[in-house]
Amino acid sequence: MNFQEAMTKLKSGGRVTRKEWPNSTYLAMNGDHVDAFEYILMHYPYSCETMVSEGWTVDGIDGEFTFPEIIPYLMNGRMAKRADWVDSRIFMDEFRKSIVYRRREIALFTPHFESFIANDWIEL
């Protein structure tokens, strides 16, 4: 979609991004102003309690799972989250054989003029 269509979606409560910004920056309304969000990746600080935790969901799969039940999904490239997480996920880093935590943060962001004339806007 073009910039004008993207801003209409944004004003109606949608989250928008550009195809060239995959899994990085997206825009969302916060009251009467626009916030830019970026995903931050870090090692997931799990503990022994994590091993027996419940209340996990897996993107694209119905139901709630225990932590041990989500491991095969992580190994197959899926992302998972705790039921109370809004916009955070974990996934497996195959290279390091570790779990990565992806969370969002409000970011300082000024779009380039190219964004205003681009036709690669998408709604999340």
PDB file of N, CA and C in Angstrom:
ATOM      1  N   MET A   1       0.844  -1.175   0.000  1.00  0.00           N
ATOM      2  CA  MET A   1       0.000   0.000   0.000  1.00  0.00           C
ATOM      3  C   MET A   1       0.888   1.236   0.000  1.00  0.00           C
ATOM      4  N   ASN A   2       0.318   2.361  -0.354  1.00  0.00           N
ATOM      5  CA  ASN A   2       1.106   3.585  -0.382  1.00  0.00           C
ATOM      6  C   ASN A   2       1.067   4.272   0.983  1.00  0.00           C
ATOM      7  N   PHE A   3       1.817   5.371   1.109  1.00  0.00           N
ATOM      8  CA  PHE A   3       1.949   6.087   2.371  1.00  0.00           C
ATOM      9  C   PHE A   3       0.602   6.590   2.883  1.00  0.00           C
ATOM     10  N   GLN A   4      -0.220   7.145   2.007  1.00  0.00           N
ATOM     11  CA  GLN A   4      -1.517   7.673   2.423  1.00  0.00           C
ATOM     12  C   GLN A   4      -2.392   6.562   2.994  1.00  0.00           C
ATOM     13  N   GLU A   5      -2.418   5.417   2.333  1.00  0.00           N
ATOM     14  CA  GLU A   5      -3.202   4.290   2.831  1.00  0.00           C
ATOM     15  C   GLU A   5      -2.652   3.795   4.169  1.00  0.00           C
ATOM     16  N   ALA A   6      -1.330   3.790   4.288  1.00  0.00           N
ATOM     17  CA  ALA A   6      -0.699   3.353   5.531  1.00  0.00           C
ATOM     18  C   ALA A   6      -1.067   4.279   6.690  1.00  0.00           C
ATOM     19  N   MET A   7      -1.105   5.583   6.432  1.00  0.00           N
ATOM     20  CA  MET A   7      -1.444   6.528   7.492  1.00  0.00           C
ATOM     21  C   MET A   7      -2.908   6.407   7.898  1.00  0.00           C
ATOM     22  N   THR A   8      -3.777   6.056   6.962  1.00  0.00           N
ATOM     23  CA  THR A   8      -5.184   5.810   7.290  1.00  0.00           C
ATOM     24  C   THR A   8      -5.286   4.598   8.220  1.00  0.00           C
ATOM     25  N   LYS A   9      -4.552   3.532   7.903  1.00  0.00           N
ATOM     26  CA  LYS A   9      -4.527   2.334   8.761  1.00  0.00           C
ATOM     27  C   LYS A   9      -3.958   2.677  10.135  1.00  0.00           C
ATOM     28  N   LEU A  10      -2.892   3.468  10.145  1.00  0.00           N
ATOM     29  CA  LEU A  10      -2.256   3.863  11.392  1.00  0.00           C
ATOM     30  C   LEU A  10      -3.238   4.626  12.283  1.00  0.00           C
ATOM     31  N   LYS A  11      -3.933   5.603  11.711  1.00  0.00           N
ATOM     32  CA  LYS A  11      -4.879   6.426  12.480  1.00  0.00           C
ATOM     33  C   LYS A  11      -6.076   5.634  12.978  1.00  0.00           C
ATOM     34  N   SER A  12      -6.374   4.510  12.312  1.00  0.00           N
ATOM     35  CA  SER A  12      -7.511   3.692  12.751  1.00  0.00           C
ATOM     36  C   SER A  12      -7.088   2.610  13.747  1.00  0.00           C
ATOM     37  N   GLY A  13      -5.835   2.693  14.232  1.00  0.00           N
ATOM     38  CA  GLY A  13      -5.379   1.783  15.274  1.00  0.00           C
ATOM     39  C   GLY A  13      -4.465   0.673  14.804  1.00  0.00           C
ATOM     40  N   GLY A  14      -4.158   0.632  13.525  1.00  0.00           N
ATOM     41  CA  GLY A  14      -3.268  -0.409  13.015  1.00  0.00           C
ATOM     42  C   GLY A  14      -1.807  -0.092  13.263  1.00  0.00           C
ATOM     43  N   ARG A  15      -0.985  -1.101  13.113  1.00  0.00           N
ATOM     44  CA  ARG A  15       0.474  -0.940  13.167  1.00  0.00           C
ATOM     45  C   ARG A  15       0.970  -1.105  11.741  1.00  0.00           C
ATOM     46  N   VAL A  16       1.832  -0.204  11.300  1.00  0.00           N
ATOM     47  CA  VAL A  16       2.318  -0.257   9.920  1.00  0.00           C
ATOM     48  C   VAL A  16       3.833  -0.244   9.876  1.00  0.00           C
ATOM     49  N   THR A  17       4.341  -0.810   8.798  1.00  0.00           N
ATOM     50  CA  THR A  17       5.775  -0.854   8.560  1.00  0.00           C
ATOM     51  C   THR A  17       5.991  -0.897   7.056  1.00  0.00           C
ATOM     52  N   ARG A  18       7.239  -0.896   6.663  1.00  0.00           N
ATOM     53  CA  ARG A  18       7.569  -1.067   5.249  1.00  0.00           C
ATOM     54  C   ARG A  18       8.200  -2.432   5.058  1.00  0.00           C
ATOM     55  N   LYS A  19       8.050  -2.987   3.864  1.00  0.00           N
ATOM     56  CA  LYS A  19       8.624  -4.305   3.587  1.00  0.00           C
ATOM     57  C   LYS A  19      10.133  -4.313   3.794  1.00  0.00           C
ATOM     58  N   GLU A  20      10.785  -3.165   3.592  1.00  0.00           N
ATOM     59  CA  GLU A  20      12.239  -3.127   3.779  1.00  0.00           C
ATOM     60  C   GLU A  20      12.635  -3.013   5.247  1.00  0.00           C
ATOM     61  N   TRP A  21      11.672  -2.923   6.139  1.00  0.00           N
ATOM     62  CA  TRP A  21      11.952  -2.866   7.576  1.00  0.00           C
ATOM     63  C   TRP A  21      11.511  -4.153   8.279  1.00  0.00           C
ATOM     64  N   PRO A  22      11.675  -5.314   7.713  1.00  0.00           N
ATOM     65  CA  PRO A  22      11.097  -6.521   8.326  1.00  0.00           C
ATOM     66  C   PRO A  22      11.685  -6.791   9.706  1.00  0.00           C
ATOM     67  N   ASN A  23      10.805  -7.087  10.629  1.00  0.00           N
ATOM     68  CA  ASN A  23      11.192  -7.430  12.000  1.00  0.00           C
ATOM     69  C   ASN A  23      12.068  -6.390  12.661  1.00  0.00           C
ATOM     70  N   SER A  24      11.958  -5.126  12.227  1.00  0.00           N
ATOM     71  CA  SER A  24      12.751  -4.104  12.902  1.00  0.00           C
ATOM     72  C   SER A  24      11.847  -2.968  13.368  1.00  0.00           C
ATOM     73  N   THR A  25      11.519  -2.025  12.515  1.00  0.00           N
ATOM     74  CA  THR A  25      10.774  -0.835  12.915  1.00  0.00           C
ATOM     75  C   THR A  25       9.325  -0.917  12.451  1.00  0.00           C
ATOM     76  N   TYR A  26       8.415  -0.498  13.320  1.00  0.00           N
ATOM     77  CA  TYR A  26       7.029  -0.309  12.910  1.00  0.00           C
ATOM     78  C   TYR A  26       6.469   0.903  13.645  1.00  0.00           C
ATOM     79  N   LEU A  27       5.390   1.446  13.113  1.00  0.00           N
ATOM     80  CA  LEU A  27       4.759   2.646  13.662  1.00  0.00           C
ATOM     81  C   LEU A  27       3.393   2.294  14.238  1.00  0.00           C
ATOM     82  N   ALA A  28       3.032   2.939  15.339  1.00  0.00           N
ATOM     83  CA  ALA A  28       1.729   2.743  15.967  1.00  0.00           C
ATOM     84  C   ALA A  28       1.326   4.043  16.659  1.00  0.00           C
ATOM     85  N   MET A  29       0.024   4.294  16.715  1.00  0.00           N
ATOM     86  CA  MET A  29      -0.484   5.475  17.411  1.00  0.00           C
ATOM     87  C   MET A  29      -0.425   5.233  18.916  1.00  0.00           C
ATOM     88  N   ASN A  30      -0.060   6.274  19.643  1.00  0.00           N
ATOM     89  CA  ASN A  30      -0.061   6.260  21.097  1.00  0.00           C
ATOM     90  C   ASN A  30      -0.797   7.523  21.515  1.00  0.00           C
ATOM     91  N   GLY A  31      -2.100   7.395  21.717  1.00  0.00           N
ATOM     92  CA  GLY A  31      -2.917   8.578  21.950  1.00  0.00           C
ATOM     93  C   GLY A  31      -3.035   9.364  20.669  1.00  0.00           C
ATOM     94  N   ASP A  32      -2.576  10.613  20.689  1.00  0.00           N
ATOM     95  CA  ASP A  32      -2.681  11.453  19.492  1.00  0.00           C
ATOM     96  C   ASP A  32      -1.352  11.616  18.756  1.00  0.00           C
ATOM     97  N   HIS A  33      -0.342  10.808  19.113  1.00  0.00           N
ATOM     98  CA  HIS A  33       0.932  10.912  18.399  1.00  0.00           C
ATOM     99  C   HIS A  33       1.420   9.529  17.959  1.00  0.00           C
ATOM    100  N   VAL A  34       2.349   9.542  17.043  1.00  0.00           N
ATOM    101  CA  VAL A  34       2.891   8.309  16.477  1.00  0.00           C
ATOM    102  C   VAL A  34       4.174   7.937  17.211  1.00  0.00           C
ATOM    103  N   ASP A  35       4.272   6.678  17.591  1.00  0.00           N
ATOM    104  CA  ASP A  35       5.513   6.157  18.159  1.00  0.00           C
ATOM    105  C   ASP A  35       6.123   5.178  17.166  1.00  0.00           C
ATOM    106  N   ALA A  36       7.421   5.174  17.099  1.00  0.00           N
ATOM    107  CA  ALA A  36       8.153   4.181  16.319  1.00  0.00           C
ATOM    108  C   ALA A  36       8.683   3.151  17.301  1.00  0.00           C
ATOM    109  N   PHE A  37       8.522   1.902  16.956  1.00  0.00           N
ATOM    110  CA  PHE A  37       8.996   0.818  17.804  1.00  0.00           C
ATOM    111  C   PHE A  37      10.041   0.021  17.044  1.00  0.00           C
ATOM    112  N   GLU A  38      11.051  -0.405  17.768  1.00  0.00           N
ATOM    113  CA  GLU A  38      12.070  -1.285  17.207  1.00  0.00           C
ATOM    114  C   GLU A  38      12.182  -2.505  18.092  1.00  0.00           C
ATOM    115  N   TYR A  39      12.478  -3.628  17.476  1.00  0.00           N
ATOM    116  CA  TYR A  39      12.678  -4.848  18.234  1.00  0.00           C
ATOM    117  C   TYR A  39      14.125  -4.930  18.697  1.00  0.00           C
ATOM    118  N   ILE A  40      14.287  -5.288  19.952  1.00  0.00           N
ATOM    119  CA  ILE A  40      15.597  -5.472  20.563  1.00  0.00           C
ATOM    120  C   ILE A  40      15.767  -6.976  20.800  1.00  0.00           C
ATOM    121  N   LEU A  41      16.906  -7.502  20.408  1.00  0.00           N
ATOM    122  CA  LEU A  41      17.202  -8.915  20.611  1.00  0.00           C
ATOM    123  C   LEU A  41      18.236  -9.071  21.707  1.00  0.00           C
ATOM    124  N   MET A  42      17.992 -10.036  22.593  1.00  0.00           N
ATOM    125  CA  MET A  42      18.926 -10.312  23.669  1.00  0.00           C
ATOM    126  C   MET A  42      18.799 -11.776  24.082  1.00  0.00           C
ATOM    127  N   HIS A  43      19.784 -12.277  24.765  1.00  0.00           N
ATOM    128  CA  HIS A  43      19.721 -13.638  25.300  1.00  0.00           C
ATOM    129  C   HIS A  43      18.541 -13.713  26.275  1.00  0.00           C
ATOM    130  N   TYR A  44      17.747 -14.769  26.189  1.00  0.00           N
ATOM    131  CA  TYR A  44      16.615 -14.931  27.109  1.00  0.00           C
ATOM    132  C   TYR A  44      17.127 -15.418  28.461  1.00  0.00           C
ATOM    133  N   PRO A  45      16.908 -14.631  29.515  1.00  0.00           N
ATOM    134  CA  PRO A  45      17.447 -14.983  30.831  1.00  0.00           C
ATOM    135  C   PRO A  45      16.574 -16.005  31.574  1.00  0.00           C
ATOM    136  N   TYR A  46      16.547 -17.228  31.074  1.00  0.00           N
ATOM    137  CA  TYR A  46      15.720 -18.239  31.723  1.00  0.00           C
ATOM    138  C   TYR A  46      16.389 -18.755  32.990  1.00  0.00           C
ATOM    139  N   SER A  47      15.570 -19.392  33.824  1.00  0.00           N
ATOM    140  CA  SER A  47      16.052 -19.923  35.093  1.00  0.00           C
ATOM    141  C   SER A  47      15.512 -21.340  35.254  1.00  0.00           C
ATOM    142  N   CYS A  48      15.802 -21.946  36.371  1.00  0.00           N
ATOM    143  CA  CYS A  48      15.279 -23.293  36.632  1.00  0.00           C
ATOM    144  C   CYS A  48      13.752 -23.289  36.654  1.00  0.00           C
ATOM    145  N   GLU A  49      13.152 -22.207  37.133  1.00  0.00           N
ATOM    146  CA  GLU A  49      11.688 -22.119  37.166  1.00  0.00           C
ATOM    147  C   GLU A  49      11.095 -22.117  35.758  1.00  0.00           C
ATOM    148  N   THR A  50      11.854 -21.594  34.801  1.00  0.00           N
ATOM    149  CA  THR A  50      11.385 -21.578  33.414  1.00  0.00           C
ATOM    150  C   THR A  50      11.139 -22.998  32.921  1.00  0.00           C
ATOM    151  N   MET A  51      11.981 -23.935  33.338  1.00  0.00           N
ATOM    152  CA  MET A  51      11.879 -25.308  32.849  1.00  0.00           C
ATOM    153  C   MET A  51      10.540 -25.956  33.179  1.00  0.00           C
ATOM    154  N   VAL A  52       9.884 -25.513  34.246  1.00  0.00           N
ATOM    155  CA  VAL A  52       8.596 -26.094  34.630  1.00  0.00           C
ATOM    156  C   VAL A  52       7.445 -25.105  34.433  1.00  0.00           C
ATOM    157  N   SER A  53       7.704 -24.003  33.739  1.00  0.00           N
ATOM    158  CA  SER A  53       6.678 -22.974  33.576  1.00  0.00           C
ATOM    159  C   SER A  53       5.584 -23.403  32.614  1.00  0.00           C
ATOM    160  N   GLU A  54       4.426 -22.805  32.811  1.00  0.00           N
ATOM    161  CA  GLU A  54       3.252 -23.047  31.977  1.00  0.00           C
ATOM    162  C   GLU A  54       2.798 -21.724  31.396  1.00  0.00           C
ATOM    163  N   GLY A  55       1.754 -21.754  30.582  1.00  0.00           N
ATOM    164  CA  GLY A  55       1.177 -20.528  30.043  1.00  0.00           C
ATOM    165  C   GLY A  55       1.895 -19.984  28.831  1.00  0.00           C
ATOM    166  N   TRP A  56       2.521 -20.839  28.039  1.00  0.00           N
ATOM    167  CA  TRP A  56       3.217 -20.428  26.828  1.00  0.00           C
ATOM    168  C   TRP A  56       2.293 -20.608  25.626  1.00  0.00           C
ATOM    169  N   THR A  57       2.386 -19.702  24.673  1.00  0.00           N
ATOM    170  CA  THR A  57       1.691 -19.863  23.401  1.00  0.00           C
ATOM    171  C   THR A  57       2.731 -19.848  22.290  1.00  0.00           C
ATOM    172  N   VAL A  58       2.387 -20.503  21.193  1.00  0.00           N
ATOM    173  CA  VAL A  58       3.283 -20.597  20.044  1.00  0.00           C
ATOM    174  C   VAL A  58       2.594 -19.927  18.867  1.00  0.00           C
ATOM    175  N   ASP A  59       3.309 -19.019  18.189  1.00  0.00           N
ATOM    176  CA  ASP A  59       2.727 -18.320  17.045  1.00  0.00           C
ATOM    177  C   ASP A  59       2.218 -19.322  16.016  1.00  0.00           C
ATOM    178  N   GLY A  60       0.942 -19.172  15.638  1.00  0.00           N
ATOM    179  CA  GLY A  60       0.348 -20.019  14.616  1.00  0.00           C
ATOM    180  C   GLY A  60      -0.203 -21.346  15.109  1.00  0.00           C
ATOM    181  N   ILE A  61      -0.102 -21.628  16.410  1.00  0.00           N
ATOM    182  CA  ILE A  61      -0.592 -22.885  16.973  1.00  0.00           C
ATOM    183  C   ILE A  61      -1.588 -22.548  18.085  1.00  0.00           C
ATOM    184  N   ASP A  62      -2.746 -23.173  18.046  1.00  0.00           N
ATOM    185  CA  ASP A  62      -3.766 -22.933  19.081  1.00  0.00           C
ATOM    186  C   ASP A  62      -3.400 -23.635  20.385  1.00  0.00           C
ATOM    187  N   GLY A  63      -3.758 -23.009  21.496  1.00  0.00           N
ATOM    188  CA  GLY A  63      -3.595 -23.616  22.807  1.00  0.00           C
ATOM    189  C   GLY A  63      -2.461 -23.033  23.608  1.00  0.00           C
ATOM    190  N   GLU A  64      -2.421 -23.455  24.876  1.00  0.00           N
ATOM    191  CA  GLU A  64      -1.336 -23.069  25.779  1.00  0.00           C
ATOM    192  C   GLU A  64      -0.483 -24.292  26.055  1.00  0.00           C
ATOM    193  N   PHE A  65       0.806 -24.046  26.296  1.00  0.00           N
ATOM    194  CA  PHE A  65       1.763 -25.123  26.443  1.00  0.00           C
ATOM    195  C   PHE A  65       2.652 -24.898  27.657  1.00  0.00           C
ATOM    196  N   THR A  66       3.306 -25.974  28.085  1.00  0.00           N
ATOM    197  CA  THR A  66       4.357 -25.860  29.088  1.00  0.00           C
ATOM    198  C   THR A  66       5.651 -25.525  28.344  1.00  0.00           C
ATOM    199  N   PHE A  67       6.660 -25.090  29.077  1.00  0.00           N
ATOM    200  CA  PHE A  67       7.937 -24.777  28.441  1.00  0.00           C
ATOM    201  C   PHE A  67       8.520 -25.990  27.711  1.00  0.00           C
ATOM    202  N   PRO A  68       8.551 -27.180  28.332  1.00  0.00           N
ATOM    203  CA  PRO A  68       9.090 -28.326  27.588  1.00  0.00           C
ATOM    204  C   PRO A  68       8.336 -28.609  26.284  1.00  0.00           C
ATOM    205  N   GLU A  69       7.033 -28.339  26.267  1.00  0.00           N
ATOM    206  CA  GLU A  69       6.246 -28.598  25.060  1.00  0.00           C
ATOM    207  C   GLU A  69       6.565 -27.633  23.919  1.00  0.00           C
ATOM    208  N   ILE A  70       7.073 -26.437  24.227  1.00  0.00           N
ATOM    209  CA  ILE A  70       7.355 -25.482  23.147  1.00  0.00           C
ATOM    210  C   ILE A  70       8.731 -25.691  22.514  1.00  0.00           C
ATOM    211  N   ILE A  71       9.603 -26.456  23.154  1.00  0.00           N
ATOM    212  CA  ILE A  71      10.965 -26.643  22.636  1.00  0.00           C
ATOM    213  C   ILE A  71      10.966 -27.176  21.201  1.00  0.00           C
ATOM    214  N   PRO A  72      10.186 -28.224  20.867  1.00  0.00           N
ATOM    215  CA  PRO A  72      10.184 -28.683  19.460  1.00  0.00           C
ATOM    216  C   PRO A  72       9.731 -27.600  18.480  1.00  0.00           C
ATOM    217  N   TYR A  73       8.785 -26.759  18.894  1.00  0.00           N
ATOM    218  CA  TYR A  73       8.334 -25.667  18.025  1.00  0.00           C
ATOM    219  C   TYR A  73       9.460 -24.655  17.808  1.00  0.00           C
ATOM    220  N   LEU A  74      10.184 -24.332  18.879  1.00  0.00           N
ATOM    221  CA  LEU A  74      11.318 -23.411  18.749  1.00  0.00           C
ATOM    222  C   LEU A  74      12.369 -24.002  17.821  1.00  0.00           C
ATOM    223  N   MET A  75      12.602 -25.299  17.936  1.00  0.00           N
ATOM    224  CA  MET A  75      13.607 -25.964  17.098  1.00  0.00           C
ATOM    225  C   MET A  75      13.196 -25.973  15.621  1.00  0.00           C
ATOM    226  N   ASN A  76      11.894 -25.824  15.366  1.00  0.00           N
ATOM    227  CA  ASN A  76      11.392 -25.787  13.993  1.00  0.00           C
ATOM    228  C   ASN A  76      11.142 -24.365  13.496  1.00  0.00           C
ATOM    229  N   GLY A  77      11.700 -23.364  14.188  1.00  0.00           N
ATOM    230  CA  GLY A  77      11.643 -21.996  13.702  1.00  0.00           C
ATOM    231  C   GLY A  77      10.468 -21.165  14.172  1.00  0.00           C
ATOM    232  N   ARG A  78       9.634 -21.694  15.035  1.00  0.00           N
ATOM    233  CA  ARG A  78       8.499 -20.923  15.553  1.00  0.00           C
ATOM    234  C   ARG A  78       8.947 -19.993  16.675  1.00  0.00           C
ATOM    235  N   MET A  79       8.107 -18.987  16.925  1.00  0.00           N
ATOM    236  CA  MET A  79       8.314 -18.093  18.055  1.00  0.00           C
ATOM    237  C   MET A  79       7.264 -18.424  19.109  1.00  0.00           C
ATOM    238  N   ALA A  80       7.601 -18.177  20.371  1.00  0.00           N
ATOM    239  CA  ALA A  80       6.680 -18.443  21.471  1.00  0.00           C
ATOM    240  C   ALA A  80       6.680 -17.256  22.420  1.00  0.00           C
ATOM    241  N   LYS A  81       5.639 -17.206  23.256  1.00  0.00           N
ATOM    242  CA  LYS A  81       5.557 -16.130  24.237  1.00  0.00           C
ATOM    243  C   LYS A  81       4.777 -16.597  25.445  1.00  0.00           C
ATOM    244  N   ARG A  82       4.963 -15.911  26.542  1.00  0.00           N
ATOM    245  CA  ARG A  82       4.136 -16.124  27.724  1.00  0.00           C
ATOM    246  C   ARG A  82       2.784 -15.482  27.454  1.00  0.00           C
ATOM    247  N   ALA A  83       1.754 -15.999  28.058  1.00  0.00           N
ATOM    248  CA  ALA A  83       0.399 -15.509  27.811  1.00  0.00           C
ATOM    249  C   ALA A  83       0.255 -14.024  28.144  1.00  0.00           C
ATOM    250  N   ASP A  84       1.023 -13.523  29.112  1.00  0.00           N
ATOM    251  CA  ASP A  84       0.881 -12.125  29.519  1.00  0.00           C
ATOM    252  C   ASP A  84       1.814 -11.166  28.766  1.00  0.00           C
ATOM    253  N   TRP A  85       2.636 -11.668  27.847  1.00  0.00           N
ATOM    254  CA  TRP A  85       3.501 -10.793  27.057  1.00  0.00           C
ATOM    255  C   TRP A  85       2.698 -10.180  25.928  1.00  0.00           C
ATOM    256  N   VAL A  86       2.866  -8.883  25.696  1.00  0.00           N
ATOM    257  CA  VAL A  86       2.128  -8.207  24.642  1.00  0.00           C
ATOM    258  C   VAL A  86       2.847  -8.301  23.304  1.00  0.00           C
ATOM    259  N   ASP A  87       4.055  -7.840  23.232  1.00  0.00           N
ATOM    260  CA  ASP A  87       4.752  -7.800  21.947  1.00  0.00           C
ATOM    261  C   ASP A  87       6.182  -8.307  22.072  1.00  0.00           C
ATOM    262  N   SER A  88       6.354  -9.349  22.866  1.00  0.00           N
ATOM    263  CA  SER A  88       7.663  -9.969  23.039  1.00  0.00           C
ATOM    264  C   SER A  88       7.545 -11.438  22.661  1.00  0.00           C
ATOM    265  N   ARG A  89       8.639 -11.992  22.186  1.00  0.00           N
ATOM    266  CA  ARG A  89       8.664 -13.392  21.777  1.00  0.00           C
ATOM    267  C   ARG A  89      10.038 -13.972  22.090  1.00  0.00           C
ATOM    268  N   ILE A  90      10.100 -15.303  22.150  1.00  0.00           N
ATOM    269  CA  ILE A  90      11.378 -15.989  22.182  1.00  0.00           C
ATOM    270  C   ILE A  90      11.481 -16.863  20.937  1.00  0.00           C
ATOM    271  N   PHE A  91      12.708 -17.111  20.525  1.00  0.00           N
ATOM    272  CA  PHE A  91      12.950 -18.036  19.428  1.00  0.00           C
ATOM    273  C   PHE A  91      14.333 -18.629  19.605  1.00  0.00           C
ATOM    274  N   MET A  92      14.597 -19.679  18.858  1.00  0.00           N
ATOM    275  CA  MET A  92      15.887 -20.360  18.990  1.00  0.00           C
ATOM    276  C   MET A  92      16.889 -19.802  17.995  1.00  0.00           C
ATOM    277  N   ASP A  93      18.072 -19.484  18.491  1.00  0.00           N
ATOM    278  CA  ASP A  93      19.197 -19.116  17.640  1.00  0.00           C
ATOM    279  C   ASP A  93      19.924 -20.413  17.329  1.00  0.00           C
ATOM    280  N   GLU A  94      19.730 -20.924  16.122  1.00  0.00           N
ATOM    281  CA  GLU A  94      20.308 -22.218  15.753  1.00  0.00           C
ATOM    282  C   GLU A  94      21.828 -22.205  15.783  1.00  0.00           C
ATOM    283  N   PHE A  95      22.435 -21.094  15.421  1.00  0.00           N
ATOM    284  CA  PHE A  95      23.898 -21.016  15.381  1.00  0.00           C
ATOM    285  C   PHE A  95      24.493 -21.150  16.779  1.00  0.00           C
ATOM    286  N   ARG A  96      23.911 -20.410  17.733  1.00  0.00           N
ATOM    287  CA  ARG A  96      24.447 -20.417  19.099  1.00  0.00           C
ATOM    288  C   ARG A  96      23.782 -21.458  19.994  1.00  0.00           C
ATOM    289  N   LYS A  97      22.743 -22.097  19.492  1.00  0.00           N
ATOM    290  CA  LYS A  97      21.978 -23.072  20.282  1.00  0.00           C
ATOM    291  C   LYS A  97      21.522 -22.446  21.593  1.00  0.00           C
ATOM    292  N   SER A  98      20.891 -21.279  21.468  1.00  0.00           N
ATOM    293  CA  SER A  98      20.376 -20.588  22.647  1.00  0.00           C
ATOM    294  C   SER A  98      19.021 -19.973  22.323  1.00  0.00           C
ATOM    295  N   ILE A  99      18.371 -19.494  23.352  1.00  0.00           N
ATOM    296  CA  ILE A  99      17.062 -18.863  23.180  1.00  0.00           C
ATOM    297  C   ILE A  99      17.249 -17.348  23.186  1.00  0.00           C
ATOM    298  N   VAL A 100      16.662 -16.703  22.194  1.00  0.00           N
ATOM    299  CA  VAL A 100      16.738 -15.251  22.047  1.00  0.00           C
ATOM    300  C   VAL A 100      15.398 -14.657  22.455  1.00  0.00           C
ATOM    301  N   TYR A 101      15.467 -13.554  23.176  1.00  0.00           N
ATOM    302  CA  TYR A 101      14.279 -12.817  23.606  1.00  0.00           C
ATOM    303  C   TYR A 101      14.165 -11.576  22.734  1.00  0.00           C
ATOM    304  N   ARG A 102      13.021 -11.414  22.076  1.00  0.00           N
ATOM    305  CA  ARG A 102      12.770 -10.245  21.239  1.00  0.00           C
ATOM    306  C   ARG A 102      11.686  -9.406  21.902  1.00  0.00           C
ATOM    307  N   ARG A 103      12.039  -8.178  22.257  1.00  0.00           N
ATOM    308  CA  ARG A 103      11.061  -7.257  22.846  1.00  0.00           C
ATOM    309  C   ARG A 103      11.081  -5.954  22.074  1.00  0.00           C
ATOM    310  N   ARG A 104      10.042  -5.167  22.242  1.00  0.00           N
ATOM    311  CA  ARG A 104       9.998  -3.903  21.518  1.00  0.00           C
ATOM    312  C   ARG A 104      10.315  -2.746  22.446  1.00  0.00           C
ATOM    313  N   GLU A 105      10.857  -1.691  21.843  1.00  0.00           N
ATOM    314  CA  GLU A 105      11.176  -0.457  22.560  1.00  0.00           C
ATOM    315  C   GLU A 105      10.793   0.726  21.697  1.00  0.00           C
ATOM    316  N   ILE A 106      10.361   1.782  22.336  1.00  0.00           N
ATOM    317  CA  ILE A 106      10.122   3.018  21.592  1.00  0.00           C
ATOM    318  C   ILE A 106      11.471   3.538  21.136  1.00  0.00           C
ATOM    319  N   ALA A 107      11.542   3.933  19.882  1.00  0.00           N
ATOM    320  CA  ALA A 107      12.812   4.339  19.294  1.00  0.00           C
ATOM    321  C   ALA A 107      12.731   5.755  18.741  1.00  0.00           C
ATOM    322  N   LEU A 108      13.857   6.422  18.735  1.00  0.00           N
ATOM    323  CA  LEU A 108      13.959   7.694  18.031  1.00  0.00           C
ATOM    324  C   LEU A 108      14.000   7.357  16.546  1.00  0.00           C
ATOM    325  N   PHE A 109      13.122   7.966  15.783  1.00  0.00           N
ATOM    326  CA  PHE A 109      13.008   7.582  14.380  1.00  0.00           C
ATOM    327  C   PHE A 109      12.524   8.760  13.554  1.00  0.00           C
ATOM    328  N   THR A 110      13.223   9.036  12.493  1.00  0.00           N
ATOM    329  CA  THR A 110      12.805  10.045  11.526  1.00  0.00           C
ATOM    330  C   THR A 110      12.846   9.387  10.152  1.00  0.00           C
ATOM    331  N   PRO A 111      11.675   9.211   9.537  1.00  0.00           N
ATOM    332  CA  PRO A 111      11.675   8.546   8.229  1.00  0.00           C
ATOM    333  C   PRO A 111      12.312   9.418   7.154  1.00  0.00           C
ATOM    334  N   HIS A 112      12.897   8.755   6.174  1.00  0.00           N
ATOM    335  CA  HIS A 112      13.431   9.450   5.009  1.00  0.00           C
ATOM    336  C   HIS A 112      12.270   9.791   4.077  1.00  0.00           C
ATOM    337  N   PHE A 113      12.434  10.794   3.252  1.00  0.00           N
ATOM    338  CA  PHE A 113      11.391  11.192   2.312  1.00  0.00           C
ATOM    339  C   PHE A 113      10.968  10.014   1.437  1.00  0.00           C
ATOM    340  N   GLU A 114      11.896   9.125   1.147  1.00  0.00           N
ATOM    341  CA  GLU A 114      11.588   7.945   0.343  1.00  0.00           C
ATOM    342  C   GLU A 114      10.383   7.177   0.910  1.00  0.00           C
ATOM    343  N   SER A 115      10.224   7.180   2.226  1.00  0.00           N
ATOM    344  CA  SER A 115       9.095   6.488   2.853  1.00  0.00           C
ATOM    345  C   SER A 115       7.751   7.086   2.442  1.00  0.00           C
ATOM    346  N   PHE A 116       7.736   8.388   2.178  1.00  0.00           N
ATOM    347  CA  PHE A 116       6.485   9.059   1.815  1.00  0.00           C
ATOM    348  C   PHE A 116       6.039   8.737   0.394  1.00  0.00           C
ATOM    349  N   ILE A 117       6.968   8.321  -0.439  1.00  0.00           N
ATOM    350  CA  ILE A 117       6.613   8.012  -1.829  1.00  0.00           C
ATOM    351  C   ILE A 117       6.654   6.504  -2.107  1.00  0.00           C
ATOM    352  N   ALA A 118       6.955   5.734  -1.101  1.00  0.00           N
ATOM    353  CA  ALA A 118       7.065   4.281  -1.257  1.00  0.00           C
ATOM    354  C   ALA A 118       5.686   3.626  -1.335  1.00  0.00           C
ATOM    355  N   ASN A 119       5.624   2.509  -2.050  1.00  0.00           N
ATOM    356  CA  ASN A 119       4.394   1.720  -2.167  1.00  0.00           C
ATOM    357  C   ASN A 119       4.548   0.347  -1.523  1.00  0.00           C
ATOM    358  N   ASP A 120       5.483   0.237  -0.586  1.00  0.00           N
ATOM    359  CA  ASP A 120       5.716  -1.067   0.045  1.00  0.00           C
ATOM    360  C   ASP A 120       5.290  -1.093   1.507  1.00  0.00           C
ATOM    361  N   TRP A 121       4.336  -0.255   1.896  1.00  0.00           N
ATOM    362  CA  TRP A 121       3.824  -0.241   3.258  1.00  0.00           C
ATOM    363  C   TRP A 121       2.926  -1.448   3.486  1.00  0.00           C
ATOM    364  N   ILE A 122       3.003  -2.024   4.683  1.00  0.00           N
ATOM    365  CA  ILE A 122       2.139  -3.137   5.034  1.00  0.00           C
ATOM    366  C   ILE A 122       1.600  -2.925   6.430  1.00  0.00           C
ATOM    367  N   GLU A 123       0.438  -3.517   6.692  1.00  0.00           N
ATOM    368  CA  GLU A 123      -0.141  -3.482   8.036  1.00  0.00           C
ATOM    369  C   GLU A 123       0.241  -4.769   8.747  1.00  0.00           C
ATOM    370  N   LEU A 124       0.635  -4.645   9.989  1.00  0.00           N
ATOM    371  CA  LEU A 124       1.014  -5.835  10.785  1.00  0.00           C
ATOM    372  C   LEU A 124      -0.220  -6.433  11.439  1.00  0.00           C
TER     373      LEU A 124
END
